[in-house]
């Protein structure tokens, strides 16, 4: 079969998702169901998969989806516990005292705190933790999802203490004689360290501006004046937040390796930015606030109505101090770090005895497993139990937290239970007679682009993350292909490092539009059937990120004009945003 025909058919499932979900704004449930059925037909009829492989991949996807739902439940439970205890009032007041400006709050909670959580846990946990917290202090649910998805870019390559590097890229390049011969006398571990340093450099050069783009997106889509300018008015503080994370992030990657750049970058950034905000350093004289809730668009609301936020049904006369109110989030961060960095504890939680496994499903050779004790979901459920005692809650109030959390999780289940199996079948097509669908797409694009391949390499990484729901999996799928493509266009040594770097950076950027992440982030704040609207918005920063990474990659390889083009692209993006504004918000809601 001609390569062009295979390319079109491999592209079809992705195109269906984009058309139905993003353009036609259908629900994720419907969009992913149609994509799943088309993928199955193509996998069997064209790629020659046995039904046993389709069934095995589907079951593996269902297991993965259930583990994601477990995380979602834990995240919602923490939020509900904080709300039912009345602690959310102290948290809200604490941020009001620090700065009532929603732009400042987004930089601190979404960008810096979210990056720290990403560094500790990864796998979508920042949105699960930060998005509900933002909703609890007064953000529209959709705005909270948007900003927490946008930050799932720069820190993602070093999420879960470096898993996308140490597992993703390493697994993708391991046990290949051609790679070993090409990088000799350097060993693969040393090569990965060099790749990680370059990944951090490119991310820092691209991502330092993300806090500014993030607050601009927030004011454009959720401000009363619908203008990027309101967000850009805080540019000195936003850039402070960007550099406060990016500089230590790069230095840690360069000096210490791939485990802690995001974790320490986020922590050090918080230590710099919070005191600055407290003193009003680099803050504008005007304060940005969302419109009054009576004027919010219907689509901005999650299942928890704003009138419920901060109005606990228990603890009404109880004053909870700021430190005690924040304690659940401190506990989450501490437990995530401990379980990921203390070797004996990590080994116990990930041991065979603590792992639920399904092997050789339907005789397909496909295995599925779940490490529930190691999951962030378990940590957040444990944190909720600890918070129950810290806050002195009643059993009735805590029971409400559990029941409300369960209802919200169930609402998110259908989309994930369809989306993830579709992805697994898509990835498993390489078990047939042809290359897998993702590799067919990548190889065709590489053939067309030729020497300009590094410009497109981040897009392939982003496509991998969009499909697979993970930067780690994207790196596993495409690192070897990217390495080979670099050699085919005559690159060696540092050139191959640059292209593999762009794969990892693009894979991180793809997390902004990944259906898994969007569904999960929406679920924890009670948004359903809004996934297409969210992806339409996150496509904007994703497009900036992948093209800018490609231009910087070309600059690292070829220098000269490519640095000028990278600077020009950044300027074009910022100027276009600055000039863009929508009609002022005049939509009312009767039930505020």
Protein backbone atom coordinates (compact mmCIF):
# COMPACT_ATOMS: atom_id res chain seq x y z
CA UNK A 1 0.00 0.00 0.00
CA UNK A 2 1.39 3.48 -0.87
CA UNK A 3 2.88 5.43 2.04
CA UNK A 4 0.58 8.37 1.32
CA UNK A 5 -2.50 6.17 1.73
CA UNK A 6 -1.18 4.75 5.00
CA UNK A 7 -0.47 8.29 6.21
CA UNK A 8 -4.05 9.39 5.51
CA UNK A 9 -5.51 6.38 7.29
CA UNK A 10 -3.16 6.75 10.29
CA UNK A 11 -4.13 10.42 10.49
CA UNK A 12 -7.87 9.66 10.38
CA UNK A 13 -8.40 8.89 14.12
CA UNK A 14 -6.61 12.10 15.13
CA UNK A 15 -8.52 14.10 12.54
CA UNK A 16 -11.81 12.71 13.85
CA UNK A 17 -10.96 13.81 17.39
CA UNK A 18 -9.96 17.30 16.23
CA UNK A 19 -13.02 17.76 14.02
CA UNK A 20 -15.62 16.40 16.43
CA UNK A 21 -14.11 17.63 19.69
CA UNK A 22 -12.46 20.93 18.76
CA UNK A 23 -14.25 22.19 15.64
CA UNK A 24 -17.77 20.78 16.09
CA UNK A 25 -17.55 20.96 19.91
CA UNK A 26 -19.02 17.54 20.52
CA UNK A 27 -18.45 15.83 23.84
CA UNK A 28 -15.28 13.91 24.53
CA UNK A 29 -17.40 10.79 25.04
CA UNK A 30 -18.85 10.92 21.51
CA UNK A 31 -15.63 12.07 19.84
CA UNK A 32 -13.46 9.40 21.39
CA UNK A 33 -16.08 6.68 20.80
CA UNK A 34 -16.14 7.42 17.06
CA UNK A 35 -12.32 7.60 17.03
CA UNK A 36 -12.11 4.27 18.89
CA UNK A 37 -14.39 2.49 16.42
CA UNK A 38 -12.51 3.88 13.41
CA UNK A 39 -9.17 2.94 14.98
CA UNK A 40 -10.34 -0.63 15.59
CA UNK A 41 -11.55 -0.99 12.00
CA UNK A 42 -8.26 0.35 10.62
CA UNK A 43 -6.18 -1.76 13.03
CA UNK A 44 -7.90 -4.96 11.92
CA UNK A 45 -8.59 -4.27 8.24
CA UNK A 46 -5.41 -2.39 7.28
CA UNK A 47 -2.77 -3.03 9.94
CA UNK A 48 -3.70 -6.68 10.27
CA UNK A 49 -4.14 -6.86 14.04
CA UNK A 50 -5.79 -9.90 15.57
CA UNK A 51 -8.91 -9.25 17.60
CA UNK A 52 -7.00 -10.61 20.60
CA UNK A 53 -4.53 -7.69 20.31
CA UNK A 54 -7.39 -5.20 19.97
CA UNK A 55 -9.04 -6.72 23.03
CA UNK A 56 -5.78 -6.74 25.00
CA UNK A 57 -5.05 -3.12 24.13
CA UNK A 58 -8.61 -2.15 25.06
CA UNK A 59 -8.38 -3.83 28.48
CA UNK A 60 -4.98 -2.21 29.06
CA UNK A 61 -6.60 1.13 28.26
CA UNK A 62 -9.44 0.46 30.69
CA UNK A 63 -6.96 -0.33 33.47
CA UNK A 64 -5.05 2.88 32.73
CA UNK A 65 -8.30 4.86 32.72
CA UNK A 66 -9.29 3.43 36.11
CA UNK A 67 -5.93 4.49 37.57
CA UNK A 68 -6.55 8.01 36.25
CA UNK A 69 -10.02 8.02 37.81
CA UNK A 70 -8.42 6.97 41.09
CA UNK A 71 -6.21 10.07 40.95
CA UNK A 72 -9.19 12.25 40.04
CA UNK A 73 -11.17 10.93 43.01
CA UNK A 74 -8.30 11.63 45.40
CA UNK A 75 -7.87 15.19 44.11
CA UNK A 76 -11.57 15.97 44.40
CA UNK A 77 -11.68 14.44 47.88
CA UNK A 78 -8.94 16.78 49.11
CA UNK A 79 -10.83 19.78 47.75
CA UNK A 80 -14.11 18.62 49.25
CA UNK A 81 -12.42 18.01 52.60
CA UNK A 82 -10.94 21.50 52.60
CA UNK A 83 -14.33 22.96 51.69
CA UNK A 84 -16.39 21.00 54.20
CA UNK A 85 -13.98 21.89 56.99
CA UNK A 86 -14.21 25.60 56.27
CA UNK A 87 -10.44 25.78 55.71
CA UNK A 88 -10.98 27.20 52.23
CA UNK A 89 -12.01 30.51 53.79
CA UNK A 90 -8.60 30.85 55.44
CA UNK A 91 -6.82 29.94 52.18
CA UNK A 92 -8.84 32.48 50.26
CA UNK A 93 -8.17 35.18 52.84
CA UNK A 94 -4.47 34.33 52.82
CA UNK A 95 -4.26 34.95 49.10
CA UNK A 96 -6.31 38.11 49.41
CA UNK A 97 -3.83 39.38 52.01
CA UNK A 98 -0.88 38.34 49.81
CA UNK A 99 -2.45 39.84 46.70
CA UNK A 100 -6.08 40.00 45.62
CA UNK A 101 -4.90 40.13 42.00
CA UNK A 102 -6.00 36.98 40.18
CA UNK A 103 -3.01 37.22 37.85
CA UNK A 104 -0.63 37.01 40.81
CA UNK A 105 -2.54 34.08 42.25
CA UNK A 106 -2.34 32.25 38.90
CA UNK A 107 1.45 32.74 38.69
CA UNK A 108 1.97 31.47 42.24
CA UNK A 109 -0.51 28.58 42.35
CA UNK A 110 -0.65 27.36 38.76
CA UNK A 111 2.86 28.14 37.49
CA UNK A 112 5.13 27.74 40.52
CA UNK A 113 3.18 25.46 42.88
CA UNK A 114 1.95 23.43 39.89
CA UNK A 115 5.49 23.05 38.53
CA UNK A 116 6.72 21.84 41.90
CA UNK A 117 3.93 19.24 42.05
CA UNK A 118 4.72 18.22 38.47
CA UNK A 119 8.36 17.71 39.44
CA UNK A 120 7.33 15.46 42.32
CA UNK A 121 4.56 13.44 40.72
CA UNK A 122 3.82 14.20 37.06
CA UNK A 123 1.05 12.34 35.23
CA UNK A 124 -1.43 15.23 35.37
CA UNK A 125 -1.24 15.69 39.14
CA UNK A 126 -0.65 19.50 38.98
CA UNK A 127 -4.07 20.06 37.45
CA UNK A 128 -5.62 17.64 39.91
CA UNK A 129 -4.18 19.59 42.84
CA UNK A 130 -3.96 23.19 41.63
CA UNK A 131 -7.16 23.51 39.58
CA UNK A 132 -9.53 22.70 42.48
CA UNK A 133 -7.54 25.03 44.71
CA UNK A 134 -7.98 27.86 42.22
CA UNK A 135 -11.72 27.16 42.01
CA UNK A 136 -11.94 27.17 45.78
CA UNK A 137 -10.46 30.67 45.99
CA UNK A 138 -12.85 32.07 43.39
CA UNK A 139 -11.60 31.24 39.87
CA UNK A 140 -14.13 30.14 37.24
CA UNK A 141 -13.77 26.39 36.79
CA UNK A 142 -12.84 26.70 33.11
CA UNK A 143 -10.24 29.38 33.86
CA UNK A 144 -8.69 27.15 36.52
CA UNK A 145 -8.45 24.28 34.04
CA UNK A 146 -6.98 26.53 31.35
CA UNK A 147 -4.11 27.93 33.43
CA UNK A 148 -3.21 24.59 34.99
CA UNK A 149 -3.08 22.97 31.55
CA UNK A 150 -0.92 25.75 30.09
CA UNK A 151 1.75 25.20 32.74
CA UNK A 152 1.88 21.50 31.87
CA UNK A 153 4.60 22.25 29.37
CA UNK A 154 7.91 23.56 30.69
CA UNK A 155 8.11 21.42 33.87
CA UNK A 156 6.73 18.24 32.28
CA UNK A 157 10.02 16.91 30.84
CA UNK A 158 11.29 16.53 34.39
CA UNK A 159 8.00 15.48 35.97
CA UNK A 160 7.83 12.58 38.41
CA UNK A 161 11.51 13.13 39.32
CA UNK A 162 12.70 12.89 35.74
CA UNK A 163 10.61 9.98 34.46
CA UNK A 164 10.19 11.34 30.87
CA UNK A 165 14.00 11.44 30.63
CA UNK A 166 15.11 8.49 32.71
CA UNK A 167 12.38 6.14 31.50
CA UNK A 168 10.98 7.71 28.33
CA UNK A 169 14.09 8.73 26.37
CA UNK A 170 16.26 6.00 27.92
CA UNK A 171 13.82 3.22 27.04
CA UNK A 172 13.36 4.61 23.55
CA UNK A 173 17.12 4.50 22.82
CA UNK A 174 18.19 1.47 24.88
CA UNK A 175 19.31 -1.85 23.44
CA UNK A 176 19.99 -0.44 19.98
CA UNK A 177 23.39 -1.23 18.54
CA UNK A 178 23.26 1.67 16.09
CA UNK A 179 22.68 4.18 18.88
CA UNK A 180 25.43 2.67 21.03
CA UNK A 181 27.91 2.80 18.14
CA UNK A 182 26.95 6.35 17.18
CA UNK A 183 27.38 7.86 20.66
CA UNK A 184 30.52 5.87 21.60
CA UNK A 185 32.66 6.27 23.64
CA UNK A 186 29.84 7.91 25.57
CA UNK A 187 27.46 5.50 27.30
CA UNK A 188 23.69 5.89 27.15
CA UNK A 189 23.35 7.19 30.76
CA UNK A 190 25.84 9.98 30.00
CA UNK A 191 24.05 10.71 26.73
CA UNK A 192 20.72 11.04 28.59
CA UNK A 193 22.30 13.51 31.03
CA UNK A 194 23.45 15.65 28.10
CA UNK A 195 20.02 15.44 26.49
CA UNK A 196 18.42 16.47 29.79
CA UNK A 197 20.65 19.56 30.07
CA UNK A 198 19.72 20.56 26.53
CA UNK A 199 16.03 19.90 27.19
CA UNK A 200 16.18 22.24 30.18
CA UNK A 201 17.94 24.90 28.10
CA UNK A 202 15.35 24.82 25.31
CA UNK A 203 12.47 24.72 27.80
CA UNK A 204 13.91 27.71 29.67
CA UNK A 205 14.34 29.72 26.43
CA UNK A 206 10.80 28.89 25.34
CA UNK A 207 9.00 28.66 28.66
CA UNK A 208 10.16 31.73 30.59
CA UNK A 209 7.36 33.63 28.84
CA UNK A 210 4.64 31.05 29.69
CA UNK A 211 3.45 32.84 32.89
CA UNK A 212 2.85 35.98 30.80
CA UNK A 213 0.99 34.07 28.08
CA UNK A 214 -0.96 32.24 30.79
CA UNK A 215 -2.25 35.39 32.51
CA UNK A 216 -2.92 36.96 29.10
CA UNK A 217 -5.05 33.96 28.12
CA UNK A 218 -6.86 34.19 31.43
CA UNK A 219 -7.79 37.87 31.06
CA UNK A 220 -8.65 37.48 27.35
CA UNK A 221 -11.14 34.67 27.83
CA UNK A 222 -12.35 35.30 31.39
CA UNK A 223 -11.90 39.01 31.99
CA UNK A 224 -14.74 41.49 31.72
CA UNK A 225 -12.93 43.38 28.95
CA UNK A 226 -11.83 40.22 27.09
CA UNK A 227 -8.33 41.59 26.50
CA UNK A 228 -4.81 40.15 26.57
CA UNK A 229 -3.63 43.60 27.62
CA UNK A 230 -4.97 43.21 31.15
CA UNK A 231 -2.82 40.13 31.56
CA UNK A 232 0.20 41.70 29.89
CA UNK A 233 -0.05 44.67 32.27
CA UNK A 234 1.56 42.46 34.88
CA UNK A 235 4.51 41.62 32.61
CA UNK A 236 7.30 42.53 35.08
CA UNK A 237 5.89 40.20 37.74
CA UNK A 238 5.04 37.47 35.21
CA UNK A 239 8.59 37.55 33.86
CA UNK A 240 9.91 37.44 37.43
CA UNK A 241 7.86 34.27 37.92
CA UNK A 242 9.15 32.88 34.62
CA UNK A 243 12.82 33.52 35.36
CA UNK A 244 12.49 32.56 39.06
CA UNK A 245 11.55 29.08 37.84
CA UNK A 246 13.52 28.79 34.59
CA UNK A 247 16.98 29.81 35.86
CA UNK A 248 17.23 27.36 38.81
CA UNK A 249 15.46 24.77 36.66
CA UNK A 250 18.21 24.92 34.03
CA UNK A 251 21.04 25.08 36.58
CA UNK A 252 19.72 22.03 38.44
CA UNK A 253 19.45 20.05 35.17
CA UNK A 254 22.97 21.11 34.19
CA UNK A 255 24.61 20.42 37.55
CA UNK A 256 22.51 17.68 39.18
CA UNK A 257 20.85 15.82 36.30
CA UNK A 258 17.25 15.11 35.30
CA UNK A 259 15.63 14.17 38.61
CA UNK A 260 14.94 17.52 40.29
CA UNK A 261 14.84 20.49 37.85
CA UNK A 262 11.06 21.01 38.04
CA UNK A 263 10.74 20.17 41.72
CA UNK A 264 13.52 22.50 42.87
CA UNK A 265 12.74 25.10 40.21
CA UNK A 266 9.15 25.37 41.47
CA UNK A 267 10.21 25.41 45.14
CA UNK A 268 12.92 28.04 44.67
CA UNK A 269 10.57 30.05 42.48
CA UNK A 270 7.99 30.11 45.28
CA UNK A 271 10.63 31.26 47.76
CA UNK A 272 11.48 34.16 45.45
CA UNK A 273 8.06 35.18 44.16
CA UNK A 274 5.90 34.97 47.31
CA UNK A 275 8.01 37.51 49.26
CA UNK A 276 8.06 39.72 46.16
CA UNK A 277 4.26 39.61 45.91
CA UNK A 278 3.91 40.28 49.63
CA UNK A 279 5.94 43.47 49.23
CA UNK A 280 4.15 44.51 46.05
CA UNK A 281 7.38 44.21 44.06
CA UNK A 282 6.85 44.64 40.27
CA UNK A 283 3.07 44.62 40.69
CA UNK A 284 0.90 47.06 38.73
CA UNK A 285 -1.23 49.64 40.52
CA UNK A 286 -4.45 48.16 39.14
CA UNK A 287 -5.81 44.82 40.39
CA UNK A 288 -7.43 42.31 38.08
CA UNK A 289 -10.57 40.55 39.25
CA UNK A 290 -12.95 38.31 37.38
CA UNK A 291 -16.39 39.76 36.59
CA UNK A 292 -19.07 39.38 39.22
CA UNK A 293 -20.40 35.85 39.20
CA UNK A 294 -23.78 37.06 37.99
CA UNK A 295 -22.05 37.94 34.74
CA UNK A 296 -20.15 34.70 34.24
CA UNK A 297 -20.79 32.72 31.11
CA UNK A 298 -22.66 29.50 31.76
CA UNK A 299 -19.77 27.46 30.34
CA UNK A 300 -17.37 28.76 32.99
CA UNK A 301 -19.09 26.91 35.84
CA UNK A 302 -18.33 23.44 37.10
CA UNK A 303 -20.71 21.24 39.02
CA UNK A 304 -19.86 23.03 42.26
CA UNK A 305 -21.66 26.33 42.17
CA UNK A 306 -19.71 29.37 43.33
CA UNK A 307 -22.15 29.97 46.15
CA UNK A 308 -20.98 26.71 47.68
CA UNK A 309 -17.29 27.54 47.54
CA UNK A 310 -15.99 28.60 50.84
CA UNK A 311 -19.34 28.12 52.53
CA UNK A 312 -18.83 24.94 54.43
CA UNK A 313 -21.72 23.04 55.85
CA UNK A 314 -19.57 22.20 58.84
CA UNK A 315 -17.10 24.09 60.89
CA UNK A 316 -19.19 27.25 60.69
CA UNK A 317 -18.00 28.85 63.85
CA UNK A 318 -14.52 27.39 63.70
CA UNK A 319 -11.61 29.64 62.88
CA UNK A 320 -8.87 27.77 61.06
CA UNK A 321 -5.46 29.40 60.87
CA UNK A 322 -3.68 29.84 57.56
CA UNK A 323 -0.95 27.29 58.26
CA UNK A 324 -3.49 24.68 59.35
CA UNK A 325 -5.66 25.43 56.30
CA UNK A 326 -2.69 24.90 53.96
CA UNK A 327 -1.49 21.77 55.76
CA UNK A 328 -3.20 19.28 53.37
CA UNK A 329 -1.27 20.69 50.41
CA UNK A 330 1.97 20.65 52.39
CA UNK A 331 1.28 17.01 53.28
CA UNK A 332 0.60 16.15 49.60
CA UNK A 333 3.86 17.75 48.45
CA UNK A 334 5.85 16.09 51.25
CA UNK A 335 4.39 12.62 50.61
CA UNK A 336 4.90 12.91 46.85
CA UNK A 337 8.54 13.85 47.32
CA UNK A 338 9.12 11.14 49.96
CA UNK A 339 7.55 8.33 47.93
CA UNK A 340 9.50 9.31 44.82
CA UNK A 341 12.92 9.96 46.37
CA UNK A 342 13.29 7.58 49.35
CA UNK A 343 14.47 4.43 47.62
CA UNK A 344 13.28 1.79 50.17
CA UNK A 345 9.83 3.38 50.37
CA UNK A 346 9.55 3.64 46.59
CA UNK A 347 10.64 0.02 46.18
CA UNK A 348 8.02 -1.15 48.69
CA UNK A 349 5.20 0.78 47.01
CA UNK A 350 6.18 -0.39 43.51
CA UNK A 351 7.08 -3.98 44.37
CA UNK A 352 5.40 -6.94 42.72
CA UNK A 353 3.39 -7.55 45.87
CA UNK A 354 1.96 -4.01 45.67
CA UNK A 355 1.21 -4.19 41.93
CA UNK A 356 -2.03 -5.40 40.41
CA UNK A 357 -1.17 -7.15 37.14
CA UNK A 358 -2.90 -8.69 34.16
CA UNK A 359 -0.50 -10.63 31.95
CA UNK A 360 -0.88 -11.75 28.35
CA UNK A 361 -4.45 -10.47 28.07
CA UNK A 362 -6.48 -12.67 25.69
CA UNK A 363 -3.20 -14.27 24.58
CA UNK A 364 -2.17 -10.98 22.93
CA UNK A 365 1.13 -10.55 24.74
CA UNK A 366 -0.18 -7.28 26.18
CA UNK A 367 0.13 -6.73 29.92
CA UNK A 368 -1.62 -4.26 32.18
CA UNK A 369 -0.71 -3.19 35.69
CA UNK A 370 -1.66 -0.68 38.35
CA UNK A 371 0.43 0.47 41.33
CA UNK A 372 -2.33 1.93 43.46
CA UNK A 373 -0.25 2.43 46.61
CA UNK A 374 2.29 4.44 44.59
CA UNK A 375 -0.43 6.42 42.84
CA UNK A 376 -0.94 10.11 43.69
CA UNK A 377 -4.55 9.07 44.29
CA UNK A 378 -3.55 7.06 47.37
CA UNK A 379 -1.48 9.97 48.66
CA UNK A 380 -4.38 12.37 48.29
CA UNK A 381 -6.86 9.98 49.95
CA UNK A 382 -4.41 9.56 52.85
CA UNK A 383 -4.03 13.34 53.00
CA UNK A 384 -7.79 13.71 53.20
CA UNK A 385 -7.90 11.31 56.15
CA UNK A 386 -5.13 13.27 57.88
CA UNK A 387 -7.01 16.52 57.19
CA UNK A 388 -10.14 15.03 58.79
CA UNK A 389 -8.27 14.91 62.10
CA UNK A 390 -6.34 18.15 61.60
CA UNK A 391 -9.55 20.09 61.06
CA UNK A 392 -11.60 18.18 63.65
CA UNK A 393 -14.40 17.48 61.15
CA UNK A 394 -17.62 15.70 61.93
CA UNK A 395 -18.30 12.31 60.41
CA UNK A 396 -21.35 13.73 58.61
CA UNK A 397 -19.33 16.48 56.92
CA UNK A 398 -16.58 14.06 55.93
CA UNK A 399 -19.16 11.66 54.52
CA UNK A 400 -20.47 14.47 52.30
CA UNK A 401 -16.95 15.05 51.03
CA UNK A 402 -16.69 11.39 49.99
CA UNK A 403 -20.12 11.24 48.34
CA UNK A 404 -19.62 14.51 46.43
CA UNK A 405 -16.22 13.31 45.24
CA UNK A 406 -17.62 10.00 44.05
CA UNK A 407 -20.38 11.70 42.05
CA UNK A 408 -17.90 14.02 40.31
CA UNK A 409 -15.57 11.14 39.48
CA UNK A 410 -18.40 9.09 38.00
CA UNK A 411 -19.30 12.01 35.72
CA UNK A 412 -15.76 11.95 34.28
CA UNK A 413 -15.58 8.19 33.88
CA UNK A 414 -17.27 7.66 30.48
CA UNK A 415 -14.91 9.96 28.56
CA UNK A 416 -11.77 8.43 30.04
CA UNK A 417 -13.03 4.85 29.75
CA UNK A 418 -13.42 5.43 26.01
CA UNK A 419 -10.47 7.72 25.30
CA UNK A 420 -7.69 5.67 26.85
CA UNK A 421 -8.61 2.34 25.15
CA UNK A 422 -8.69 4.19 21.80
CA UNK A 423 -5.15 5.40 22.44
CA UNK A 424 -3.90 1.96 23.39
CA UNK A 425 -5.31 0.38 20.23
CA UNK A 426 -3.74 3.19 18.18
CA UNK A 427 -0.34 2.54 19.77
CA UNK A 428 -0.62 -1.25 19.43
CA UNK A 429 -0.96 -1.20 15.64
CA UNK A 430 2.78 -1.79 15.37
CA UNK A 431 2.16 -5.39 16.43
CA UNK A 432 0.82 -6.11 12.95
CA UNK A 433 2.59 -6.27 9.61
CA UNK A 434 3.13 -2.53 9.30
CA UNK A 435 4.77 0.18 11.36
CA UNK A 436 2.47 1.57 14.06
CA UNK A 437 0.18 4.44 13.15
CA UNK A 438 2.26 7.03 15.06
CA UNK A 439 5.46 5.95 13.30
CA UNK A 440 3.76 6.05 9.89
CA UNK A 441 2.77 9.65 10.58
CA UNK A 442 6.25 10.60 11.81
CA UNK A 443 8.14 8.88 8.98
CA UNK A 444 5.99 10.52 6.30
CA UNK A 445 6.49 14.00 7.77
CA UNK A 446 10.25 13.37 8.04
CA UNK A 447 10.41 12.37 4.38
CA UNK A 448 8.65 15.57 3.30
CA UNK A 449 10.63 17.99 5.51
CA UNK A 450 14.16 16.69 4.83
CA UNK A 451 16.87 18.94 6.29
CA UNK A 452 14.23 21.09 8.00
CA UNK A 453 13.23 18.12 10.13
CA UNK A 454 14.38 19.70 13.46
CA UNK A 455 11.78 22.42 12.88
CA UNK A 456 9.05 19.75 12.89
CA UNK A 457 10.55 17.43 15.53
CA UNK A 458 8.72 19.11 18.47
CA UNK A 459 5.42 18.69 16.62
CA UNK A 460 5.99 14.93 16.48
CA UNK A 461 6.67 14.89 20.22
CA UNK A 462 3.50 16.91 20.83
CA UNK A 463 1.51 14.56 18.60
CA UNK A 464 2.83 11.62 20.62
CA UNK A 465 1.74 13.21 23.89
CA UNK A 466 -1.65 14.19 22.42
CA UNK A 467 -2.22 10.60 21.36
CA UNK A 468 -0.69 8.73 24.28
CA UNK A 469 -1.51 11.15 27.09
CA UNK A 470 2.05 11.18 28.36
CA UNK A 471 5.39 12.81 27.56
CA UNK A 472 7.06 9.65 28.83
CA UNK A 473 5.20 7.44 26.35
CA UNK A 474 5.79 9.92 23.54
CA UNK A 475 9.53 9.78 24.25
CA UNK A 476 9.45 5.98 24.36
CA UNK A 477 7.67 5.88 20.98
CA UNK A 478 9.67 8.46 19.09
CA UNK A 479 13.15 8.93 20.63
CA UNK A 480 14.76 6.25 18.45
CA UNK A 481 12.93 7.51 15.38
CA UNK A 482 14.08 11.09 16.10
CA UNK A 483 17.66 9.89 16.58
CA UNK A 484 17.54 8.01 13.25
CA UNK A 485 15.95 10.97 11.43
CA UNK A 486 18.76 13.21 12.71
CA UNK A 487 21.39 10.83 11.35
CA UNK A 488 19.57 10.57 8.00
CA UNK A 489 19.87 14.34 7.44
CA UNK A 490 23.59 14.21 8.26
CA UNK A 491 23.61 15.19 11.94
CA UNK A 492 25.97 13.56 14.40
CA UNK A 493 27.00 14.05 18.02
CA UNK A 494 25.47 17.28 19.33
CA UNK A 495 23.13 17.32 16.33
CA UNK A 496 21.41 14.08 17.37
CA UNK A 497 21.22 15.38 20.93
CA UNK A 498 19.46 18.50 19.65
CA UNK A 499 16.82 16.51 17.75
CA UNK A 500 16.15 14.11 20.62
CA UNK A 501 15.93 17.20 22.82
CA UNK A 502 13.24 18.65 20.57
CA UNK A 503 11.28 15.40 20.82
CA UNK A 504 11.22 15.67 24.61
CA UNK A 505 10.33 19.38 24.57
CA UNK A 506 7.52 18.84 22.07
CA UNK A 507 6.24 15.89 24.09
CA UNK A 508 5.99 18.18 27.10
CA UNK A 509 4.13 20.87 25.13
CA UNK A 510 1.64 18.30 23.87
CA UNK A 511 0.39 17.80 27.42
CA UNK A 512 -1.49 21.09 27.07
CA UNK A 513 -3.86 19.59 24.49
CA UNK A 514 -3.78 15.93 25.53
CA UNK A 515 -7.37 14.65 25.77
CA UNK A 516 -6.52 12.56 28.85
CA UNK A 517 -5.24 15.60 30.71
CA UNK A 518 -8.07 17.85 29.59
CA UNK A 519 -10.74 15.35 30.67
CA UNK A 520 -9.02 14.71 34.00
CA UNK A 521 -8.43 18.40 34.77
CA UNK A 522 -12.02 19.22 33.84
CA UNK A 523 -13.34 16.42 35.99
CA UNK A 524 -11.71 17.58 39.22
CA UNK A 525 -13.52 20.92 38.99
CA UNK A 526 -16.79 19.42 37.82
CA UNK A 527 -16.64 20.46 34.16
CA UNK A 528 -18.13 18.00 31.68
CA UNK A 529 -18.52 18.15 27.91
CA UNK A 530 -16.37 21.29 27.68
CA UNK A 531 -13.19 19.54 26.59
CA UNK A 532 -13.32 20.85 23.02
CA UNK A 533 -13.60 24.47 24.17
CA UNK A 534 -10.61 24.02 26.45
CA UNK A 535 -8.46 22.43 23.73
CA UNK A 536 -9.36 25.28 21.35
CA UNK A 537 -7.81 27.67 23.88
CA UNK A 538 -4.75 25.59 24.80
CA UNK A 539 -3.92 25.11 21.11
CA UNK A 540 -2.74 28.74 21.12
CA UNK A 541 0.12 28.38 23.64
CA UNK A 542 0.89 24.90 22.30
CA UNK A 543 1.38 26.30 18.79
CA UNK A 544 3.71 28.98 20.15
CA UNK A 545 5.65 26.42 22.17
CA UNK A 546 6.25 23.80 19.48
CA UNK A 547 7.23 26.25 16.73
CA UNK A 548 9.48 28.25 19.07
CA UNK A 549 11.18 25.05 20.21
CA UNK A 550 11.72 24.07 16.58
CA UNK A 551 13.23 27.47 15.73
CA UNK A 552 15.54 27.34 18.76
CA UNK A 553 16.49 23.78 17.83
CA UNK A 554 17.43 24.93 14.32
CA UNK A 555 19.39 27.79 15.90
CA UNK A 556 21.32 25.40 18.15
CA UNK A 557 22.19 23.28 15.09
CA UNK A 558 22.75 25.94 12.43
CA UNK A 559 22.89 29.27 14.30
CA UNK A 560 22.65 32.54 12.38
CA UNK A 561 19.27 33.55 11.03
CA UNK A 562 17.41 30.98 13.12
CA UNK A 563 18.04 32.96 16.31
CA UNK A 564 16.56 36.00 14.59
CA UNK A 565 13.54 33.99 13.47
CA UNK A 566 13.01 32.68 17.01
CA UNK A 567 13.05 36.22 18.39
CA UNK A 568 10.72 37.35 15.60
CA UNK A 569 8.23 34.53 16.29
CA UNK A 570 8.09 35.44 19.98
CA UNK A 571 7.50 39.08 19.05
CA UNK A 572 4.77 38.15 16.55
CA UNK A 573 2.96 36.02 19.14
CA UNK A 574 3.05 38.72 21.82
CA UNK A 575 2.07 41.54 19.46
CA UNK A 576 -0.80 39.50 17.98
CA UNK A 577 -2.08 38.72 21.46
CA UNK A 578 -1.70 42.32 22.60
CA UNK A 579 -3.73 43.57 19.64
CA UNK A 580 -6.48 40.97 20.04
CA UNK A 581 -9.57 41.56 22.14
CA UNK A 582 -13.09 40.24 22.21
CA UNK A 583 -16.43 41.84 22.83
CA UNK A 584 -16.88 42.95 26.47
CA UNK A 585 -18.66 40.42 28.62
CA UNK A 586 -22.36 41.14 29.07
CA UNK A 587 -23.70 37.65 29.70
CA UNK A 588 -25.73 37.31 32.90
CA UNK A 589 -26.57 34.32 35.00
CA UNK A 590 -29.62 34.33 37.13
CA UNK A 591 -28.43 31.76 39.57
CA UNK A 592 -25.21 33.28 40.84
